[in-house]
Amino acid sequence: MAAPVNLNRFRKEKARAEKKARASENAVKFGRTKAEKTLDKAREDKAVRHLDQHKRDDGADT
């Protein structure tokens, strides 16, 4: 006779595997690394500083 199988463990392992697969798909679809996020933030900040440095000062207070 075969050893009894714990169906709860089997069900939970299957759910974990499906969840991990779904997470991997979402990471590929939506995710960016922390390095990519910080690089984009740094570039954005540099662009803002660059534009602020080139603002014209007409001398008139409005």
C-alpha atoms as a PDB file:
ATOM      1  CA  MET A   1       0.000   0.000   0.000  1.00  0.00           C
ATOM      2  CA  ALA A   2       1.234   3.512  -0.805  1.00  0.00           C
ATOM      3  CA  ALA A   3       1.977   6.062   1.873  1.00  0.00           C
ATOM      4  CA  PRO A   4      -0.861   8.474   2.588  1.00  0.00           C
ATOM      5  CA  VAL A   5      -0.617  11.872   0.911  1.00  0.00           C
ATOM      6  CA  ASN A   6      -1.313  15.054   2.830  1.00  0.00           C
ATOM      7  CA  LEU A   7      -3.673  16.918   0.495  1.00  0.00           C
ATOM      8  CA  ASN A   8      -3.437  20.178   2.464  1.00  0.00           C
ATOM      9  CA  ARG A   9       0.327  20.311   1.981  1.00  0.00           C
ATOM     10  CA  PHE A  10      -0.049  19.547  -1.721  1.00  0.00           C
ATOM     11  CA  ARG A  11      -2.679  22.284  -2.123  1.00  0.00           C
ATOM     12  CA  LYS A  12      -0.571  24.854  -0.271  1.00  0.00           C
ATOM     13  CA  GLU A  13       2.587  24.025  -2.258  1.00  0.00           C
ATOM     14  CA  LYS A  14       0.648  24.381  -5.499  1.00  0.00           C
ATOM     15  CA  ALA A  15      -0.736  27.769  -4.366  1.00  0.00           C
ATOM     16  CA  ARG A  16       2.759  28.973  -3.420  1.00  0.00           C
ATOM     17  CA  ALA A  17       4.148  27.953  -6.809  1.00  0.00           C
ATOM     18  CA  GLU A  18       1.335  29.756  -8.646  1.00  0.00           C
ATOM     19  CA  LYS A  19       1.813  32.873  -6.515  1.00  0.00           C
ATOM     20  CA  LYS A  20       5.554  32.892  -7.184  1.00  0.00           C
ATOM     21  CA  ALA A  21       4.976  32.469 -10.929  1.00  0.00           C
ATOM     22  CA  ARG A  22       2.491  35.356 -10.938  1.00  0.00           C
ATOM     23  CA  ALA A  23       4.938  37.522  -8.969  1.00  0.00           C
ATOM     24  CA  SER A  24       7.700  36.781 -11.465  1.00  0.00           C
ATOM     25  CA  GLU A  25       5.456  37.770 -14.363  1.00  0.00           C
ATOM     26  CA  ASN A  26       4.530  41.035 -12.645  1.00  0.00           C
ATOM     27  CA  ALA A  27       8.160  41.798 -11.849  1.00  0.00           C
ATOM     28  CA  VAL A  28       9.026  41.487 -15.511  1.00  0.00           C
ATOM     29  CA  LYS A  29       5.995  43.477 -16.606  1.00  0.00           C
ATOM     30  CA  PHE A  30       6.008  46.326 -14.070  1.00  0.00           C
ATOM     31  CA  GLY A  31       9.122  46.146 -11.953  1.00  0.00           C
ATOM     32  CA  ARG A  32      12.210  48.278 -12.074  1.00  0.00           C
ATOM     33  CA  THR A  33      15.263  47.866  -9.945  1.00  0.00           C
ATOM     34  CA  LYS A  34      16.122  50.324  -7.222  1.00  0.00           C
ATOM     35  CA  ALA A  35      19.142  51.428  -9.237  1.00  0.00           C
ATOM     36  CA  GLU A  36      16.942  52.276 -12.217  1.00  0.00           C
ATOM     37  CA  LYS A  37      14.572  54.280 -10.017  1.00  0.00           C
ATOM     38  CA  THR A  38      17.375  56.270  -8.386  1.00  0.00           C
ATOM     39  CA  LEU A  39      19.022  56.903 -11.763  1.00  0.00           C
ATOM     40  CA  ASP A  40      15.761  58.280 -13.183  1.00  0.00           C
ATOM     41  CA  LYS A  41      15.273  60.445 -10.086  1.00  0.00           C
ATOM     42  CA  ALA A  42      18.815  61.822 -10.365  1.00  0.00           C
ATOM     43  CA  ARG A  43      18.350  62.619 -14.052  1.00  0.00           C
ATOM     44  CA  GLU A  44      15.058  64.351 -13.336  1.00  0.00           C
ATOM     45  CA  ASP A  45      16.605  66.429 -10.539  1.00  0.00           C
ATOM     46  CA  LYS A  46      19.522  67.406 -12.782  1.00  0.00           C
ATOM     47  CA  ALA A  47      17.161  68.503 -15.549  1.00  0.00           C
ATOM     48  CA  VAL A  48      15.161  70.643 -13.112  1.00  0.00           C
ATOM     49  CA  ARG A  49      18.347  72.263 -11.761  1.00  0.00           C
ATOM     50  CA  HIS A  50      19.577  72.887 -15.305  1.00  0.00           C
ATOM     51  CA  LEU A  51      16.342  74.629 -16.277  1.00  0.00           C
ATOM     52  CA  ASP A  52      16.292  76.692 -13.085  1.00  0.00           C
ATOM     53  CA  GLN A  53      19.809  77.929 -13.780  1.00  0.00           C
ATOM     54  CA  HIS A  54      18.765  79.208 -17.200  1.00  0.00           C
ATOM     55  CA  LYS A  55      15.719  81.202 -16.119  1.00  0.00           C
ATOM     56  CA  ARG A  56      15.766  84.799 -17.187  1.00  0.00           C
ATOM     57  CA  ASP A  57      15.663  87.501 -14.579  1.00  0.00           C
ATOM     58  CA  ASP A  58      13.938  90.543 -16.069  1.00  0.00           C
ATOM     59  CA  GLY A  59      14.488  92.559 -12.912  1.00  0.00           C
ATOM     60  CA  ALA A  60      10.823  93.420 -12.567  1.00  0.00           C
ATOM     61  CA  ASP A  61       9.026  92.168  -9.492  1.00  0.00           C
ATOM     62  CA  THR A  62       5.538  91.089 -10.435  1.00  0.00           C
END
